[in-house]
Amino acid sequence: MLSVNMPLNDRKKVDSIIAKRRQSNNLRNIPEILIPLWQIKMRERFGINVDREIARYIVIAAHEGGTWKKQRAMRKIEKLLVDRGMDLESSKKMAKNVIDISVGGGASEE
C-alpha cells in the first residue's frame, strides 16, 4: 500500500501510472488464432477437448514465460471448473493436470 502521508493528487498520479502500465503489459494481448490452434493441439496430442476459455488460459501460460503465469492459469481454470459445478478438489487436480500436460512441469500448487 502507498504511504498514508502521500497527498491525494500524488496517489491518483501513481494509480494512473500503474493502470497504464498494466494495460500496456496486459496478458490478454495474444493473437486470437492461437486459441483454436491450441484446442486442436490438445485434442490431437492428448485427447483432451477444451473450450475456448480454458484454451485461452493455456495459451497465456504457454506463451508468457514464468511459473507464476502457469499458477495464475491454473487458478483461473480451477475457478471456471468450480463455476461449472465441479467440486474444488477435483477442479484443482484437473487444472493442474491440464497445465502440466499442455505447458510442461514447473507449475506448482501453493
Protein backbone atom coordinates (compact mmCIF):
# COMPACT_ATOMS: atom_id res chain seq x y z
CA MET A 1 0.00 0.00 0.00
CA LEU A 2 1.13 3.52 -0.63
CA SER A 3 2.26 5.82 2.11
CA VAL A 4 -0.59 7.33 4.12
CA ASN A 5 1.13 10.72 4.13
CA MET A 6 1.08 10.98 0.33
CA PRO A 7 -1.23 13.73 -0.94
CA LEU A 8 -4.37 12.59 -2.78
CA ASN A 9 -3.28 14.07 -6.14
CA ASP A 10 0.04 12.23 -5.99
CA ARG A 11 -1.77 8.98 -5.19
CA LYS A 12 -4.04 9.47 -8.21
CA LYS A 13 -0.99 10.05 -10.42
CA VAL A 14 0.63 6.88 -9.14
CA ASP A 15 -2.59 4.92 -9.64
CA SER A 16 -2.95 6.18 -13.20
CA ILE A 17 0.67 5.28 -13.96
CA ILE A 18 0.13 1.78 -12.57
CA ALA A 19 -3.11 1.39 -14.55
CA LYS A 20 -1.38 2.44 -17.78
CA ARG A 21 1.49 0.07 -17.10
CA ARG A 22 -0.89 -2.82 -16.50
CA GLN A 23 -2.75 -2.05 -19.73
CA SER A 24 0.44 -1.96 -21.75
CA ASN A 25 1.61 -5.19 -20.14
CA ASN A 26 -1.73 -6.92 -20.48
CA LEU A 27 -1.57 -10.70 -20.73
CA ARG A 28 -4.60 -10.81 -22.96
CA ASN A 29 -2.68 -9.33 -25.90
CA ILE A 30 -2.27 -12.70 -27.56
CA PRO A 31 -3.22 -13.46 -31.14
CA GLU A 32 -6.73 -14.93 -31.17
CA ILE A 33 -5.69 -17.52 -33.76
CA LEU A 34 -3.61 -19.31 -31.12
CA ILE A 35 -6.69 -20.33 -29.14
CA PRO A 36 -8.25 -22.67 -31.74
CA LEU A 37 -4.78 -23.93 -32.65
CA TRP A 38 -4.17 -24.94 -29.04
CA GLN A 39 -7.61 -26.54 -28.89
CA ILE A 40 -6.66 -28.69 -31.90
CA LYS A 41 -3.23 -29.41 -30.40
CA MET A 42 -4.74 -30.55 -27.10
CA ARG A 43 -7.28 -32.75 -28.91
CA GLU A 44 -4.74 -34.37 -31.26
CA ARG A 45 -1.80 -34.82 -28.89
CA PHE A 46 -3.51 -35.62 -25.62
CA GLY A 47 -7.12 -36.49 -26.49
CA ILE A 48 -8.41 -33.63 -24.33
CA ASN A 49 -11.23 -31.41 -25.54
CA VAL A 50 -11.02 -27.94 -24.02
CA ASP A 51 -13.29 -25.00 -24.67
CA ARG A 52 -12.16 -21.52 -25.73
CA GLU A 53 -11.98 -20.11 -22.19
CA ILE A 54 -9.71 -22.84 -20.90
CA ALA A 55 -7.65 -22.80 -24.11
CA ARG A 56 -7.15 -19.03 -23.65
CA TYR A 57 -5.53 -19.59 -20.24
CA ILE A 58 -3.40 -22.41 -21.63
CA VAL A 59 -2.17 -20.09 -24.39
CA ILE A 60 -1.35 -17.38 -21.85
CA ALA A 61 0.57 -19.85 -19.68
CA ALA A 62 2.43 -21.28 -22.67
CA HIS A 63 3.36 -18.05 -24.42
CA GLU A 64 4.08 -15.86 -21.42
CA GLY A 65 7.15 -17.14 -19.61
CA GLY A 66 7.30 -17.71 -15.90
CA THR A 67 5.96 -20.09 -13.31
CA TRP A 68 3.61 -17.57 -11.76
CA LYS A 69 1.69 -17.30 -15.04
CA LYS A 70 1.21 -21.06 -15.01
CA GLN A 71 -0.04 -20.81 -11.44
CA ARG A 72 -2.38 -17.98 -12.41
CA ALA A 73 -3.70 -20.02 -15.35
CA MET A 74 -4.28 -22.98 -13.02
CA ARG A 75 -6.26 -20.80 -10.62
CA LYS A 76 -8.35 -19.34 -13.45
CA ILE A 77 -9.11 -22.77 -14.93
CA GLU A 78 -9.89 -24.07 -11.46
CA LYS A 79 -12.35 -21.22 -10.92
CA LEU A 80 -14.02 -21.90 -14.28
CA LEU A 81 -14.46 -25.56 -13.39
CA VAL A 82 -15.88 -24.74 -9.96
CA ASP A 83 -18.30 -22.26 -11.54
CA ARG A 84 -19.42 -25.05 -13.87
CA GLY A 85 -20.32 -27.30 -10.94
CA MET A 86 -17.18 -29.28 -10.20
CA ASP A 87 -16.02 -29.71 -6.62
CA LEU A 88 -12.95 -27.78 -5.51
CA GLU A 89 -10.58 -30.72 -5.07
CA SER A 90 -11.36 -32.24 -8.48
CA SER A 91 -11.11 -28.88 -10.22
CA LYS A 92 -7.69 -28.21 -8.65
CA LYS A 93 -6.40 -31.59 -9.77
CA MET A 94 -7.81 -31.23 -13.29
CA ALA A 95 -6.49 -27.67 -13.73
CA LYS A 96 -3.03 -28.73 -12.58
CA ASN A 97 -3.05 -31.73 -14.91
CA VAL A 98 -4.17 -29.68 -17.92
CA ILE A 99 -1.45 -27.07 -17.39
CA ASP A 100 1.22 -29.70 -16.70
CA ILE A 101 0.27 -31.68 -19.80
CA SER A 102 -0.05 -28.72 -22.13
CA VAL A 103 2.68 -26.38 -20.95
CA GLY A 104 5.00 -28.67 -19.06
CA GLY A 105 6.14 -29.01 -15.48
CA GLY A 106 7.15 -26.20 -13.20
CA ALA A 107 3.65 -25.18 -12.19
CA SER A 108 3.36 -25.89 -8.51
CA GLU A 109 0.44 -25.64 -6.15
CA GLU A 110 0.52 -23.06 -3.43
